[in-house]
């Protein structure tokens, strides 16, 4: 077998003896520039280097949602907590309350925090100055618990009655029972003094 090769175009004369038959095969090949081949290999190498297949992926829980910022509690400074008896003569259960100072306004707020024996009610914070303004309008006259409804945004039917029980409590004492009806109220004789003491809790 003999082979001839030049630098530009490869021309190979191949003689194969097969069954005493001479066969000549001419192959034309374009020689690829070695530099180009090396650059191509470098480019491939760069791609493989810059694009790793084994990236570290952080584990994330399913349905990952952006966490919401915590809501700031403006009423963390509780200045007075207590309880008042419910108005109904058929029960000895109590309603619980908190009075807190708003951390930005510096105003006092009151809320019904819970009760014994069940009964739905709103737990919203009520501006104490707004509540006292309602009471100031009840001077020298008996009034029902419904007079306190404007202080609430919530519409629970127990709100006004529960709040009246709180306002009658020994801790607050702004109102008292009127006559023989447990469901009628009047302002306490020392209403002004107790109001001033309450507002001085800030």
C-alpha atoms as a PDB file:
ATOM      1  CA  UNK A   1       0.000   0.000   0.000  1.00  0.00           C
ATOM      2  CA  UNK A   2       1.340   3.493  -0.882  1.00  0.00           C
ATOM      3  CA  UNK A   3       0.042   6.978   0.187  1.00  0.00           C
ATOM      4  CA  UNK A   4       0.932  10.447  -1.045  1.00  0.00           C
ATOM      5  CA  UNK A   5       0.016  13.620   0.836  1.00  0.00           C
ATOM      6  CA  UNK A   6       0.614  17.336   0.180  1.00  0.00           C
ATOM      7  CA  UNK A   7       0.111  20.338   2.558  1.00  0.00           C
ATOM      8  CA  UNK A   8      -2.908  21.978   0.965  1.00  0.00           C
ATOM      9  CA  UNK A   9      -5.155  19.437  -0.571  1.00  0.00           C
ATOM     10  CA  UNK A  10      -4.804  15.874   0.430  1.00  0.00           C
ATOM     11  CA  UNK A  11      -4.797  13.536  -2.493  1.00  0.00           C
ATOM     12  CA  UNK A  12      -4.398   9.962  -1.530  1.00  0.00           C
ATOM     13  CA  UNK A  13      -3.655   7.285  -4.013  1.00  0.00           C
ATOM     14  CA  UNK A  14      -4.510   4.097  -2.317  1.00  0.00           C
ATOM     15  CA  UNK A  15      -3.826   0.866  -3.988  1.00  0.00           C
ATOM     16  CA  UNK A  16      -5.563  -2.108  -2.567  1.00  0.00           C
ATOM     17  CA  UNK A  17      -4.798  -5.529  -3.703  1.00  0.00           C
ATOM     18  CA  UNK A  18      -8.007  -7.425  -3.482  1.00  0.00           C
ATOM     19  CA  UNK A  19      -8.310 -10.528  -5.467  1.00  0.00           C
ATOM     20  CA  UNK A  20      -5.536  -9.311  -7.743  1.00  0.00           C
ATOM     21  CA  UNK A  21      -7.537  -6.181  -8.632  1.00  0.00           C
ATOM     22  CA  UNK A  22      -5.844  -2.811  -8.365  1.00  0.00           C
ATOM     23  CA  UNK A  23      -8.196  -0.168  -7.014  1.00  0.00           C
ATOM     24  CA  UNK A  24      -7.277   3.496  -6.824  1.00  0.00           C
ATOM     25  CA  UNK A  25      -9.294   5.755  -4.526  1.00  0.00           C
ATOM     26  CA  UNK A  26      -8.747   9.501  -4.740  1.00  0.00           C
ATOM     27  CA  UNK A  27      -9.891  11.468  -1.703  1.00  0.00           C
ATOM     28  CA  UNK A  28      -9.933  15.256  -1.695  1.00  0.00           C
ATOM     29  CA  UNK A  29      -9.972  16.770   1.767  1.00  0.00           C
ATOM     30  CA  UNK A  30      -9.798  20.382   2.682  1.00  0.00           C
ATOM     31  CA  UNK A  31      -7.364  20.809   5.467  1.00  0.00           C
ATOM     32  CA  UNK A  32      -8.904  22.712   8.320  1.00  0.00           C
ATOM     33  CA  UNK A  33      -6.677  25.384   9.737  1.00  0.00           C
ATOM     34  CA  UNK A  34      -5.219  24.111  12.991  1.00  0.00           C
ATOM     35  CA  UNK A  35      -5.561  27.501  14.642  1.00  0.00           C
ATOM     36  CA  UNK A  36      -9.268  27.633  13.858  1.00  0.00           C
ATOM     37  CA  UNK A  37      -9.727  24.213  15.330  1.00  0.00           C
ATOM     38  CA  UNK A  38      -7.920  25.210  18.477  1.00  0.00           C
ATOM     39  CA  UNK A  39     -10.006  28.403  18.841  1.00  0.00           C
ATOM     40  CA  UNK A  40     -13.144  26.447  18.356  1.00  0.00           C
ATOM     41  CA  UNK A  41     -12.080  24.010  21.008  1.00  0.00           C
ATOM     42  CA  UNK A  42     -11.278  26.892  23.350  1.00  0.00           C
ATOM     43  CA  UNK A  43     -14.707  28.402  22.739  1.00  0.00           C
ATOM     44  CA  UNK A  44     -16.344  25.104  23.524  1.00  0.00           C
ATOM     45  CA  UNK A  45     -14.180  24.805  26.594  1.00  0.00           C
ATOM     46  CA  UNK A  46     -15.183  28.322  27.674  1.00  0.00           C
ATOM     47  CA  UNK A  47     -18.864  27.551  27.296  1.00  0.00           C
ATOM     48  CA  UNK A  48     -18.512  24.437  29.358  1.00  0.00           C
ATOM     49  CA  UNK A  49     -16.620  26.368  32.028  1.00  0.00           C
ATOM     50  CA  UNK A  50     -18.958  29.370  32.175  1.00  0.00           C
ATOM     51  CA  UNK A  51     -22.096  27.292  32.157  1.00  0.00           C
ATOM     52  CA  UNK A  52     -21.759  24.673  34.865  1.00  0.00           C
ATOM     53  CA  UNK A  53     -24.351  21.964  34.873  1.00  0.00           C
ATOM     54  CA  UNK A  54     -24.150  21.313  38.582  1.00  0.00           C
ATOM     55  CA  UNK A  55     -25.344  24.685  39.968  1.00  0.00           C
ATOM     56  CA  UNK A  56     -26.327  24.808  43.619  1.00  0.00           C
ATOM     57  CA  UNK A  57     -30.057  25.484  43.855  1.00  0.00           C
ATOM     58  CA  UNK A  58     -31.465  26.731  47.129  1.00  0.00           C
ATOM     59  CA  UNK A  59     -34.334  24.729  48.484  1.00  0.00           C
ATOM     60  CA  UNK A  60     -37.540  26.753  48.579  1.00  0.00           C
ATOM     61  CA  UNK A  61     -40.815  25.644  50.100  1.00  0.00           C
ATOM     62  CA  UNK A  62     -43.690  24.984  47.755  1.00  0.00           C
ATOM     63  CA  UNK A  63     -45.902  27.959  47.041  1.00  0.00           C
ATOM     64  CA  UNK A  64     -43.245  30.281  48.385  1.00  0.00           C
ATOM     65  CA  UNK A  65     -44.779  33.719  48.905  1.00  0.00           C
ATOM     66  CA  UNK A  66     -43.157  36.949  49.894  1.00  0.00           C
ATOM     67  CA  UNK A  67     -43.605  37.266  53.623  1.00  0.00           C
ATOM     68  CA  UNK A  68     -45.819  40.117  54.659  1.00  0.00           C
ATOM     69  CA  UNK A  69     -44.413  42.628  57.114  1.00  0.00           C
ATOM     70  CA  UNK A  70     -45.719  42.274  60.627  1.00  0.00           C
ATOM     71  CA  UNK A  71     -48.444  44.689  61.542  1.00  0.00           C
ATOM     72  CA  UNK A  72     -47.314  47.127  64.207  1.00  0.00           C
ATOM     73  CA  UNK A  73     -49.273  47.045  67.473  1.00  0.00           C
ATOM     74  CA  UNK A  74     -49.961  50.610  68.569  1.00  0.00           C
ATOM     75  CA  UNK A  75     -51.666  49.451  71.771  1.00  0.00           C
ATOM     76  CA  UNK A  76     -48.955  47.417  73.465  1.00  0.00           C
ATOM     77  CA  UNK A  77     -48.789  49.853  76.401  1.00  0.00           C
ATOM     78  CA  UNK A  78     -51.693  48.632  78.560  1.00  0.00           C
ATOM     79  CA  UNK A  79     -52.224  51.080  81.433  1.00  0.00           C
ATOM     80  CA  UNK A  80     -55.270  49.452  83.036  1.00  0.00           C
ATOM     81  CA  UNK A  81     -57.047  46.109  82.833  1.00  0.00           C
ATOM     82  CA  UNK A  82     -60.099  45.005  84.757  1.00  0.00           C
ATOM     83  CA  UNK A  83     -63.592  43.554  84.614  1.00  0.00           C
ATOM     84  CA  UNK A  84     -67.200  44.600  85.089  1.00  0.00           C
ATOM     85  CA  UNK A  85     -70.275  42.511  85.827  1.00  0.00           C
ATOM     86  CA  UNK A  86     -72.701  41.898  82.990  1.00  0.00           C
ATOM     87  CA  UNK A  87     -75.945  43.826  83.343  1.00  0.00           C
ATOM     88  CA  UNK A  88     -78.315  40.870  83.373  1.00  0.00           C
ATOM     89  CA  UNK A  89     -79.453  39.954  86.912  1.00  0.00           C
ATOM     90  CA  UNK A  90     -79.560  36.308  85.794  1.00  0.00           C
ATOM     91  CA  UNK A  91     -75.788  35.994  85.592  1.00  0.00           C
ATOM     92  CA  UNK A  92     -72.717  36.657  87.676  1.00  0.00           C
ATOM     93  CA  UNK A  93     -70.378  36.578  84.678  1.00  0.00           C
ATOM     94  CA  UNK A  94     -68.019  39.416  83.845  1.00  0.00           C
ATOM     95  CA  UNK A  95     -66.760  41.369  80.859  1.00  0.00           C
ATOM     96  CA  UNK A  96     -63.028  42.092  80.677  1.00  0.00           C
ATOM     97  CA  UNK A  97     -61.445  45.277  79.347  1.00  0.00           C
ATOM     98  CA  UNK A  98     -58.102  46.899  78.585  1.00  0.00           C
ATOM     99  CA  UNK A  99     -57.152  50.562  78.461  1.00  0.00           C
ATOM    100  CA  UNK A 100     -54.012  51.343  76.453  1.00  0.00           C
ATOM    101  CA  UNK A 101     -52.055  54.391  75.365  1.00  0.00           C
ATOM    102  CA  UNK A 102     -51.584  54.689  71.605  1.00  0.00           C
ATOM    103  CA  UNK A 103     -47.818  54.773  71.037  1.00  0.00           C
ATOM    104  CA  UNK A 104     -47.971  57.511  68.377  1.00  0.00           C
ATOM    105  CA  UNK A 105     -51.016  59.583  69.292  1.00  0.00           C
ATOM    106  CA  UNK A 106     -50.523  59.519  73.054  1.00  0.00           C
ATOM    107  CA  UNK A 107     -54.306  59.054  73.354  1.00  0.00           C
ATOM    108  CA  UNK A 108     -56.061  56.530  75.592  1.00  0.00           C
ATOM    109  CA  UNK A 109     -58.170  53.782  74.048  1.00  0.00           C
ATOM    110  CA  UNK A 110     -60.445  51.175  75.631  1.00  0.00           C
ATOM    111  CA  UNK A 111     -61.591  47.801  74.332  1.00  0.00           C
ATOM    112  CA  UNK A 112     -63.617  44.798  75.447  1.00  0.00           C
ATOM    113  CA  UNK A 113     -61.000  42.048  75.626  1.00  0.00           C
ATOM    114  CA  UNK A 114     -63.214  39.090  76.545  1.00  0.00           C
ATOM    115  CA  UNK A 115     -66.095  37.821  78.640  1.00  0.00           C
ATOM    116  CA  UNK A 116     -67.260  34.930  80.764  1.00  0.00           C
ATOM    117  CA  UNK A 117     -70.137  32.731  79.706  1.00  0.00           C
ATOM    118  CA  UNK A 118     -70.001  33.458  75.985  1.00  0.00           C
ATOM    119  CA  UNK A 119     -71.490  36.203  73.869  1.00  0.00           C
ATOM    120  CA  UNK A 120     -69.960  37.759  70.758  1.00  0.00           C
ATOM    121  CA  UNK A 121     -68.663  41.314  70.849  1.00  0.00           C
ATOM    122  CA  UNK A 122     -66.246  43.609  69.037  1.00  0.00           C
ATOM    123  CA  UNK A 123     -62.678  43.861  70.273  1.00  0.00           C
ATOM    124  CA  UNK A 124     -61.932  47.125  68.516  1.00  0.00           C
ATOM    125  CA  UNK A 125     -60.110  49.917  70.285  1.00  0.00           C
ATOM    126  CA  UNK A 126     -62.329  52.910  71.116  1.00  0.00           C
ATOM    127  CA  UNK A 127     -60.892  56.354  71.688  1.00  0.00           C
ATOM    128  CA  UNK A 128     -61.579  57.136  75.355  1.00  0.00           C
ATOM    129  CA  UNK A 129     -62.073  60.838  74.644  1.00  0.00           C
ATOM    130  CA  UNK A 130     -64.781  59.970  72.107  1.00  0.00           C
ATOM    131  CA  UNK A 131     -66.502  57.714  74.644  1.00  0.00           C
ATOM    132  CA  UNK A 132     -66.381  60.346  77.370  1.00  0.00           C
ATOM    133  CA  UNK A 133     -67.876  62.912  74.977  1.00  0.00           C
ATOM    134  CA  UNK A 134     -70.878  60.579  74.595  1.00  0.00           C
ATOM    135  CA  UNK A 135     -71.185  60.271  78.371  1.00  0.00           C
ATOM    136  CA  UNK A 136     -70.960  64.045  78.823  1.00  0.00           C
ATOM    137  CA  UNK A 137     -74.188  64.345  76.837  1.00  0.00           C
ATOM    138  CA  UNK A 138     -76.049  62.165  79.361  1.00  0.00           C
ATOM    139  CA  UNK A 139     -75.862  64.647  82.246  1.00  0.00           C
ATOM    140  CA  UNK A 140     -78.896  64.711  84.590  1.00  0.00           C
ATOM    141  CA  UNK A 141     -80.850  62.045  82.742  1.00  0.00           C
ATOM    142  CA  UNK A 142     -81.089  58.265  82.763  1.00  0.00           C
ATOM    143  CA  UNK A 143     -80.037  56.556  79.555  1.00  0.00           C
ATOM    144  CA  UNK A 144     -79.959  53.104  78.020  1.00  0.00           C
ATOM    145  CA  UNK A 145     -76.918  51.181  76.879  1.00  0.00           C
ATOM    146  CA  UNK A 146     -77.847  51.928  73.262  1.00  0.00           C
ATOM    147  CA  UNK A 147     -76.555  55.471  73.828  1.00  0.00           C
ATOM    148  CA  UNK A 148     -73.057  53.957  73.680  1.00  0.00           C
ATOM    149  CA  UNK A 149     -73.500  52.376  70.236  1.00  0.00           C
ATOM    150  CA  UNK A 150     -71.976  55.310  68.296  1.00  0.00           C
ATOM    151  CA  UNK A 151     -68.632  54.546  69.956  1.00  0.00           C
ATOM    152  CA  UNK A 152     -68.380  51.270  68.031  1.00  0.00           C
ATOM    153  CA  UNK A 153     -67.725  50.527  64.397  1.00  0.00           C
ATOM    154  CA  UNK A 154     -68.707  46.900  64.915  1.00  0.00           C
ATOM    155  CA  UNK A 155     -72.379  46.002  64.916  1.00  0.00           C
ATOM    156  CA  UNK A 156     -72.534  43.251  67.552  1.00  0.00           C
ATOM    157  CA  UNK A 157     -75.685  43.554  69.644  1.00  0.00           C
ATOM    158  CA  UNK A 158     -73.696  42.851  72.827  1.00  0.00           C
ATOM    159  CA  UNK A 159     -71.246  45.738  72.405  1.00  0.00           C
ATOM    160  CA  UNK A 160     -73.191  48.506  74.127  1.00  0.00           C
ATOM    161  CA  UNK A 161     -74.452  46.367  77.025  1.00  0.00           C
ATOM    162  CA  UNK A 162     -71.014  44.874  77.694  1.00  0.00           C
ATOM    163  CA  UNK A 163     -69.400  48.320  77.625  1.00  0.00           C
ATOM    164  CA  UNK A 164     -72.006  49.645  80.062  1.00  0.00           C
ATOM    165  CA  UNK A 165     -71.062  46.849  82.461  1.00  0.00           C
ATOM    166  CA  UNK A 166     -67.404  47.870  82.166  1.00  0.00           C
ATOM    167  CA  UNK A 167     -68.202  51.549  82.785  1.00  0.00           C
ATOM    168  CA  UNK A 168     -70.040  50.532  85.962  1.00  0.00           C
ATOM    169  CA  UNK A 169     -67.058  48.539  87.263  1.00  0.00           C
ATOM    170  CA  UNK A 170     -65.173  49.569  90.390  1.00  0.00           C
ATOM    171  CA  UNK A 171     -62.080  50.141  88.221  1.00  0.00           C
ATOM    172  CA  UNK A 172     -63.836  52.839  86.153  1.00  0.00           C
ATOM    173  CA  UNK A 173     -67.136  53.747  87.868  1.00  0.00           C
ATOM    174  CA  UNK A 174     -68.239  56.494  85.458  1.00  0.00           C
ATOM    175  CA  UNK A 175     -71.889  55.342  85.496  1.00  0.00           C
ATOM    176  CA  UNK A 176     -74.212  53.625  87.972  1.00  0.00           C
ATOM    177  CA  UNK A 177     -77.605  51.952  87.875  1.00  0.00           C
ATOM    178  CA  UNK A 178     -80.570  54.305  87.626  1.00  0.00           C
ATOM    179  CA  UNK A 179     -83.385  53.526  90.078  1.00  0.00           C
ATOM    180  CA  UNK A 180     -84.667  49.979  90.042  1.00  0.00           C
ATOM    181  CA  UNK A 181     -83.887  49.121  86.407  1.00  0.00           C
ATOM    182  CA  UNK A 182     -80.576  47.379  85.886  1.00  0.00           C
ATOM    183  CA  UNK A 183     -80.668  48.388  82.230  1.00  0.00           C
ATOM    184  CA  UNK A 184     -80.822  52.151  82.837  1.00  0.00           C
ATOM    185  CA  UNK A 185     -77.782  54.215  83.755  1.00  0.00           C
ATOM    186  CA  UNK A 186     -76.927  57.645  85.111  1.00  0.00           C
ATOM    187  CA  UNK A 187     -73.599  59.366  85.535  1.00  0.00           C
ATOM    188  CA  UNK A 188     -71.936  58.739  88.893  1.00  0.00           C
ATOM    189  CA  UNK A 189     -72.056  61.519  91.471  1.00  0.00           C
ATOM    190  CA  UNK A 190     -68.270  61.825  91.303  1.00  0.00           C
ATOM    191  CA  UNK A 191     -68.239  61.470  87.523  1.00  0.00           C
ATOM    192  CA  UNK A 192     -65.945  64.455  86.935  1.00  0.00           C
ATOM    193  CA  UNK A 193     -63.358  63.256  89.448  1.00  0.00           C
ATOM    194  CA  UNK A 194     -63.324  59.723  88.071  1.00  0.00           C
ATOM    195  CA  UNK A 195     -63.134  61.019  84.520  1.00  0.00           C
ATOM    196  CA  UNK A 196     -60.097  63.139  85.388  1.00  0.00           C
ATOM    197  CA  UNK A 197     -58.434  60.194  87.129  1.00  0.00           C
ATOM    198  CA  UNK A 198     -59.034  57.986  84.105  1.00  0.00           C
ATOM    199  CA  UNK A 199     -57.636  60.497  81.635  1.00  0.00           C
ATOM    200  CA  UNK A 200     -54.552  60.925  83.834  1.00  0.00           C
ATOM    201  CA  UNK A 201     -53.460  57.338  83.138  1.00  0.00           C
ATOM    202  CA  UNK A 202     -51.298  58.512  80.224  1.00  0.00           C
END
